[in-house]
N, C-alpha and C. Protein backbone atom coordinates (compact mmCIF):
# COMPACT_ATOMS: atom_id res chain seq x y z
N UNK A 1 -15.75 50.04 54.19
CA UNK A 1 -16.03 48.70 53.78
C UNK A 1 -14.76 47.88 53.90
N UNK A 2 -14.88 46.78 54.52
CA UNK A 2 -13.74 45.92 54.77
C UNK A 2 -13.64 44.87 53.65
N UNK A 3 -12.45 44.69 53.08
CA UNK A 3 -12.25 43.72 52.01
C UNK A 3 -11.38 42.60 52.55
N UNK A 4 -11.91 41.37 52.51
CA UNK A 4 -11.15 40.26 53.10
C UNK A 4 -10.26 39.54 52.09
N UNK A 5 -10.31 39.92 50.83
CA UNK A 5 -9.41 39.34 49.85
C UNK A 5 -9.99 38.14 49.11
N UNK A 6 -11.22 37.71 49.48
CA UNK A 6 -11.80 36.56 48.78
C UNK A 6 -12.11 36.87 47.33
N UNK A 7 -12.54 38.08 47.08
CA UNK A 7 -12.87 38.46 45.71
C UNK A 7 -11.67 38.35 44.80
N UNK A 8 -10.53 38.79 45.28
CA UNK A 8 -9.31 38.72 44.47
C UNK A 8 -8.88 37.30 44.24
N UNK A 9 -8.94 36.46 45.24
CA UNK A 9 -8.50 35.08 45.07
C UNK A 9 -9.48 34.30 44.21
N UNK A 10 -10.78 34.65 44.27
CA UNK A 10 -11.76 34.01 43.41
C UNK A 10 -11.47 34.34 41.95
N UNK A 11 -11.15 35.60 41.71
CA UNK A 11 -10.81 36.05 40.36
C UNK A 11 -9.56 35.33 39.86
N UNK A 12 -8.57 35.19 40.73
CA UNK A 12 -7.35 34.48 40.35
C UNK A 12 -7.64 33.01 40.09
N UNK A 13 -8.54 32.42 40.90
CA UNK A 13 -8.91 31.02 40.73
C UNK A 13 -9.61 30.80 39.38
N UNK A 14 -10.52 31.71 39.03
CA UNK A 14 -11.22 31.61 37.74
C UNK A 14 -10.23 31.75 36.59
N UNK A 15 -9.32 32.71 36.68
CA UNK A 15 -8.32 32.91 35.64
C UNK A 15 -7.44 31.68 35.50
N UNK A 16 -7.01 31.13 36.64
CA UNK A 16 -6.18 29.93 36.61
C UNK A 16 -6.95 28.75 36.04
N UNK A 17 -8.23 28.65 36.32
CA UNK A 17 -9.05 27.55 35.79
C UNK A 17 -9.11 27.63 34.27
N UNK A 18 -9.28 28.84 33.75
CA UNK A 18 -9.31 28.99 32.28
C UNK A 18 -7.98 28.62 31.66
N UNK A 19 -6.89 28.99 32.32
CA UNK A 19 -5.57 28.64 31.82
C UNK A 19 -5.39 27.12 31.82
N UNK A 20 -5.78 26.48 32.93
CA UNK A 20 -5.67 25.02 33.03
C UNK A 20 -6.54 24.36 31.97
N UNK A 21 -7.78 24.86 31.79
CA UNK A 21 -8.68 24.30 30.79
C UNK A 21 -8.10 24.45 29.39
N UNK A 22 -7.53 25.61 29.09
CA UNK A 22 -6.92 25.84 27.78
C UNK A 22 -5.75 24.88 27.55
N UNK A 23 -4.92 24.69 28.57
CA UNK A 23 -3.78 23.77 28.45
C UNK A 23 -4.27 22.35 28.22
N UNK A 24 -5.30 21.93 28.97
CA UNK A 24 -5.86 20.58 28.81
C UNK A 24 -6.43 20.39 27.41
N UNK A 25 -7.17 21.41 26.92
CA UNK A 25 -7.74 21.30 25.57
C UNK A 25 -6.65 21.22 24.49
N UNK A 26 -5.61 22.00 24.64
CA UNK A 26 -4.50 21.95 23.68
C UNK A 26 -3.84 20.57 23.72
N UNK A 27 -3.63 20.04 24.92
CA UNK A 27 -3.02 18.71 25.05
C UNK A 27 -3.91 17.63 24.44
N UNK A 28 -5.21 17.71 24.68
CA UNK A 28 -6.14 16.74 24.08
C UNK A 28 -6.14 16.85 22.56
N UNK A 29 -6.11 18.07 22.06
CA UNK A 29 -6.06 18.28 20.62
C UNK A 29 -4.80 17.70 20.01
N UNK A 30 -3.67 17.90 20.67
CA UNK A 30 -2.40 17.37 20.18
C UNK A 30 -2.43 15.84 20.19
N UNK A 31 -2.98 15.27 21.25
CA UNK A 31 -3.07 13.80 21.35
C UNK A 31 -3.98 13.25 20.25
N UNK A 32 -5.11 13.92 20.02
CA UNK A 32 -6.04 13.48 18.97
C UNK A 32 -5.37 13.57 17.60
N UNK A 33 -4.63 14.64 17.36
CA UNK A 33 -3.92 14.80 16.09
C UNK A 33 -2.89 13.70 15.90
N UNK A 34 -2.16 13.38 16.95
CA UNK A 34 -1.15 12.31 16.88
C UNK A 34 -1.81 10.97 16.56
N UNK A 35 -2.89 10.66 17.25
CA UNK A 35 -3.61 9.41 16.99
C UNK A 35 -4.12 9.38 15.56
N UNK A 36 -4.68 10.47 15.09
CA UNK A 36 -5.20 10.55 13.72
C UNK A 36 -4.08 10.32 12.70
N UNK A 37 -2.93 10.96 12.92
CA UNK A 37 -1.81 10.79 12.00
C UNK A 37 -1.31 9.34 11.99
N UNK A 38 -1.23 8.73 13.16
CA UNK A 38 -0.79 7.33 13.23
C UNK A 38 -1.77 6.41 12.52
N UNK A 39 -3.06 6.61 12.73
CA UNK A 39 -4.06 5.77 12.09
C UNK A 39 -4.06 5.99 10.58
N UNK A 40 -3.90 7.22 10.17
CA UNK A 40 -3.86 7.53 8.74
C UNK A 40 -2.67 6.86 8.08
N UNK A 41 -1.53 6.86 8.76
CA UNK A 41 -0.34 6.20 8.22
C UNK A 41 -0.55 4.71 8.07
N UNK A 42 -1.20 4.09 9.05
CA UNK A 42 -1.45 2.65 8.98
C UNK A 42 -2.42 2.32 7.86
N UNK A 43 -3.50 3.09 7.73
CA UNK A 43 -4.47 2.79 6.69
C UNK A 43 -3.86 3.03 5.32
N UNK A 44 -2.95 3.99 5.21
CA UNK A 44 -2.25 4.21 3.94
C UNK A 44 -1.41 3.00 3.58
N UNK A 45 -0.75 2.42 4.57
CA UNK A 45 0.04 1.21 4.33
C UNK A 45 -0.88 0.07 3.93
N UNK A 46 -2.03 -0.03 4.59
CA UNK A 46 -2.96 -1.09 4.26
C UNK A 46 -3.47 -0.93 2.83
N UNK A 47 -3.74 0.32 2.45
CA UNK A 47 -4.22 0.53 1.09
C UNK A 47 -3.17 0.12 0.08
N UNK A 48 -1.91 0.48 0.29
CA UNK A 48 -0.88 0.11 -0.67
C UNK A 48 -0.64 -1.39 -0.66
N UNK A 49 -0.70 -2.01 0.53
CA UNK A 49 -0.56 -3.47 0.58
C UNK A 49 -1.71 -4.14 -0.15
N UNK A 50 -2.92 -3.60 -0.01
CA UNK A 50 -4.07 -4.16 -0.69
C UNK A 50 -3.91 -4.01 -2.19
N UNK A 51 -3.47 -2.85 -2.64
CA UNK A 51 -3.27 -2.63 -4.07
C UNK A 51 -2.20 -3.58 -4.61
N UNK A 52 -1.14 -3.78 -3.82
CA UNK A 52 -0.09 -4.69 -4.24
C UNK A 52 -0.63 -6.12 -4.31
N UNK A 53 -1.44 -6.50 -3.33
CA UNK A 53 -2.04 -7.83 -3.32
C UNK A 53 -2.94 -8.04 -4.52
N UNK A 54 -3.74 -7.02 -4.87
CA UNK A 54 -4.62 -7.12 -6.03
C UNK A 54 -3.80 -7.23 -7.31
N UNK A 55 -2.70 -6.49 -7.40
CA UNK A 55 -1.84 -6.56 -8.58
C UNK A 55 -1.24 -7.96 -8.71
N UNK A 56 -0.81 -8.55 -7.59
CA UNK A 56 -0.25 -9.89 -7.64
C UNK A 56 -1.31 -10.92 -8.01
N UNK A 57 -2.54 -10.73 -7.52
CA UNK A 57 -3.62 -11.66 -7.86
C UNK A 57 -3.96 -11.59 -9.34
N UNK A 58 -3.76 -10.45 -9.97
CA UNK A 58 -4.12 -10.27 -11.37
C UNK A 58 -2.92 -10.44 -12.30
N UNK A 59 -1.87 -11.10 -11.83
CA UNK A 59 -0.69 -11.27 -12.67
C UNK A 59 -1.01 -12.03 -13.96
N UNK A 60 -1.85 -13.05 -13.85
CA UNK A 60 -2.16 -13.80 -15.06
C UNK A 60 -2.82 -12.91 -16.11
N UNK A 61 -3.72 -12.02 -15.68
CA UNK A 61 -4.35 -11.09 -16.61
C UNK A 61 -3.36 -10.11 -17.20
N UNK A 62 -2.44 -9.63 -16.36
CA UNK A 62 -1.41 -8.71 -16.85
C UNK A 62 -0.51 -9.40 -17.88
N UNK A 63 -0.14 -10.63 -17.59
CA UNK A 63 0.74 -11.36 -18.51
C UNK A 63 0.03 -11.60 -19.84
N UNK A 64 -1.24 -12.01 -19.78
CA UNK A 64 -1.98 -12.26 -21.02
C UNK A 64 -2.11 -10.97 -21.83
N UNK A 65 -2.33 -9.84 -21.16
CA UNK A 65 -2.43 -8.55 -21.86
C UNK A 65 -1.10 -8.19 -22.51
N UNK A 66 0.01 -8.43 -21.78
CA UNK A 66 1.33 -8.13 -22.35
C UNK A 66 1.60 -9.00 -23.58
N UNK A 67 1.27 -10.28 -23.49
CA UNK A 67 1.48 -11.18 -24.63
C UNK A 67 0.66 -10.71 -25.82
N UNK A 68 -0.57 -10.32 -25.58
CA UNK A 68 -1.43 -9.84 -26.65
C UNK A 68 -0.84 -8.58 -27.30
N UNK A 69 -0.37 -7.64 -26.47
CA UNK A 69 0.21 -6.40 -26.99
C UNK A 69 1.51 -6.65 -27.74
N UNK A 70 2.24 -7.70 -27.34
CA UNK A 70 3.52 -8.01 -27.99
C UNK A 70 3.34 -8.88 -29.23
N UNK A 71 2.11 -9.10 -29.63
CA UNK A 71 1.88 -9.91 -30.81
C UNK A 71 1.79 -11.39 -30.49
N UNK A 72 1.65 -11.75 -29.24
CA UNK A 72 1.41 -13.14 -28.88
C UNK A 72 2.57 -13.87 -28.26
N UNK A 73 3.80 -13.30 -28.29
CA UNK A 73 4.94 -14.03 -27.73
C UNK A 73 5.95 -13.08 -27.09
N UNK A 74 6.53 -13.54 -25.99
CA UNK A 74 7.60 -12.82 -25.28
C UNK A 74 8.45 -13.88 -24.59
N UNK A 75 9.64 -13.46 -24.18
CA UNK A 75 10.43 -14.37 -23.36
C UNK A 75 10.02 -14.19 -21.90
N UNK A 76 10.30 -15.22 -21.09
CA UNK A 76 9.99 -15.14 -19.67
C UNK A 76 10.76 -13.99 -19.02
N UNK A 77 11.98 -13.75 -19.46
CA UNK A 77 12.78 -12.65 -18.91
C UNK A 77 12.16 -11.29 -19.26
N UNK A 78 11.65 -11.14 -20.48
CA UNK A 78 10.99 -9.89 -20.86
C UNK A 78 9.75 -9.64 -19.99
N UNK A 79 8.99 -10.71 -19.74
CA UNK A 79 7.80 -10.59 -18.90
C UNK A 79 8.21 -10.21 -17.49
N UNK A 80 9.25 -10.86 -16.97
CA UNK A 80 9.75 -10.57 -15.63
C UNK A 80 10.19 -9.12 -15.52
N UNK A 81 10.94 -8.64 -16.51
CA UNK A 81 11.42 -7.26 -16.49
C UNK A 81 10.27 -6.26 -16.57
N UNK A 82 9.25 -6.57 -17.36
CA UNK A 82 8.11 -5.66 -17.50
C UNK A 82 7.31 -5.58 -16.20
N UNK A 83 7.21 -6.69 -15.49
CA UNK A 83 6.45 -6.72 -14.23
C UNK A 83 7.28 -6.28 -13.04
N UNK A 84 8.61 -6.30 -13.18
CA UNK A 84 9.53 -5.94 -12.09
C UNK A 84 9.23 -6.76 -10.83
N UNK A 85 9.12 -8.07 -11.04
CA UNK A 85 8.89 -9.01 -9.94
C UNK A 85 9.98 -10.07 -9.96
N UNK A 86 10.14 -10.80 -8.86
CA UNK A 86 11.13 -11.88 -8.85
C UNK A 86 10.80 -12.93 -9.92
N UNK A 87 11.84 -13.47 -10.53
CA UNK A 87 11.66 -14.44 -11.61
C UNK A 87 10.88 -15.66 -11.15
N UNK A 88 11.10 -16.12 -9.92
CA UNK A 88 10.38 -17.31 -9.46
C UNK A 88 8.88 -17.05 -9.35
N UNK A 89 8.49 -15.83 -9.00
CA UNK A 89 7.05 -15.48 -8.93
C UNK A 89 6.44 -15.48 -10.32
N UNK A 90 7.14 -14.89 -11.28
CA UNK A 90 6.66 -14.85 -12.65
C UNK A 90 6.59 -16.27 -13.23
N UNK A 91 7.63 -17.07 -12.98
CA UNK A 91 7.66 -18.44 -13.49
C UNK A 91 6.50 -19.26 -12.92
N UNK A 92 6.18 -19.03 -11.66
CA UNK A 92 5.08 -19.75 -11.02
C UNK A 92 3.75 -19.43 -11.71
N UNK A 93 3.51 -18.15 -11.99
CA UNK A 93 2.27 -17.75 -12.66
C UNK A 93 2.25 -18.31 -14.08
N UNK A 94 3.38 -18.30 -14.76
CA UNK A 94 3.44 -18.84 -16.12
C UNK A 94 3.16 -20.34 -16.13
N UNK A 95 3.67 -21.06 -15.12
CA UNK A 95 3.38 -22.50 -15.03
C UNK A 95 1.88 -22.73 -14.86
N UNK A 96 1.24 -21.90 -13.99
CA UNK A 96 -0.21 -22.03 -13.79
C UNK A 96 -0.96 -21.75 -15.10
N UNK A 97 -0.55 -20.71 -15.82
CA UNK A 97 -1.19 -20.39 -17.10
C UNK A 97 -0.99 -21.53 -18.10
N UNK A 98 0.18 -22.13 -18.07
CA UNK A 98 0.47 -23.25 -18.98
C UNK A 98 -0.41 -24.46 -18.63
N UNK A 99 -0.54 -24.74 -17.33
CA UNK A 99 -1.39 -25.86 -16.89
C UNK A 99 -2.85 -25.66 -17.28
N UNK A 100 -3.30 -24.41 -17.30
CA UNK A 100 -4.68 -24.11 -17.69
C UNK A 100 -4.84 -24.03 -19.21
N UNK A 101 -3.74 -24.16 -19.93
CA UNK A 101 -3.79 -24.14 -21.39
C UNK A 101 -3.90 -22.76 -21.99
N UNK A 102 -3.56 -21.72 -21.22
CA UNK A 102 -3.67 -20.35 -21.73
C UNK A 102 -2.39 -19.88 -22.43
N UNK A 103 -1.24 -20.48 -22.09
CA UNK A 103 0.02 -20.16 -22.75
C UNK A 103 0.78 -21.45 -23.05
N UNK A 104 1.72 -21.32 -23.96
CA UNK A 104 2.68 -22.39 -24.24
C UNK A 104 4.06 -21.86 -23.91
N UNK A 105 4.88 -22.68 -23.26
CA UNK A 105 6.26 -22.29 -22.96
C UNK A 105 7.19 -23.30 -23.62
N UNK A 106 8.23 -22.78 -24.24
CA UNK A 106 9.26 -23.66 -24.80
C UNK A 106 10.62 -23.07 -24.49
N UNK A 107 11.56 -23.93 -24.18
CA UNK A 107 12.90 -23.48 -23.79
C UNK A 107 13.64 -22.94 -25.00
N UNK A 108 14.16 -21.74 -24.88
CA UNK A 108 14.95 -21.10 -25.93
C UNK A 108 16.41 -21.18 -25.50
N UNK A 109 17.16 -22.13 -26.08
CA UNK A 109 18.54 -22.36 -25.65
C UNK A 109 19.45 -21.17 -26.00
N UNK A 110 19.15 -20.48 -27.09
CA UNK A 110 19.97 -19.33 -27.47
C UNK A 110 19.85 -18.19 -26.45
N UNK A 111 18.66 -17.97 -25.95
CA UNK A 111 18.43 -16.88 -25.00
C UNK A 111 18.50 -17.35 -23.56
N UNK A 112 18.56 -18.63 -23.35
CA UNK A 112 18.62 -19.25 -22.02
C UNK A 112 17.43 -18.82 -21.15
N UNK A 113 16.26 -18.88 -21.76
CA UNK A 113 15.01 -18.57 -21.05
C UNK A 113 13.87 -19.22 -21.81
N UNK A 114 12.71 -19.23 -21.19
CA UNK A 114 11.53 -19.75 -21.88
C UNK A 114 10.99 -18.71 -22.84
N UNK A 115 10.50 -19.20 -23.98
CA UNK A 115 9.73 -18.37 -24.87
C UNK A 115 8.27 -18.68 -24.54
N UNK A 116 7.51 -17.63 -24.32
CA UNK A 116 6.11 -17.80 -23.89
C UNK A 116 5.21 -17.23 -24.97
N UNK A 117 4.22 -18.04 -25.35
CA UNK A 117 3.27 -17.57 -26.36
C UNK A 117 1.85 -17.85 -25.88
N UNK A 118 0.95 -16.97 -26.29
CA UNK A 118 -0.46 -17.15 -25.93
C UNK A 118 -1.01 -18.31 -26.71
N UNK A 119 -1.82 -19.12 -26.03
CA UNK A 119 -2.46 -20.26 -26.72
C UNK A 119 -3.50 -19.71 -27.68
N UNK A 120 -3.62 -20.35 -28.81
CA UNK A 120 -4.60 -19.88 -29.82
C UNK A 120 -5.76 -20.83 -29.93
């Protein structure tokens, strides 16, 4: 029986095809994992930015709760320190609360800050 070598090369071709397929699948899996990790990182940032945005939107509620817990009055600096936000942001929210009649602010010359009290 004469063997022309096609059987051997076919076998090698099939083996090489499986190797190529395995390499392609591994590469696709790695690419999918990378995309998933990148998307997960972005959505995590979006979630924290959203939480931060919601916290900033609810500053007036947080301030009113703090005033209530403190017995109705705090200084603007104490409120700023408790919220760990820039003073101008806290002052802006306090001005809005004052305009709506929810708090009263009076300048405390001894402490060089506003004294803030909940409106009764």
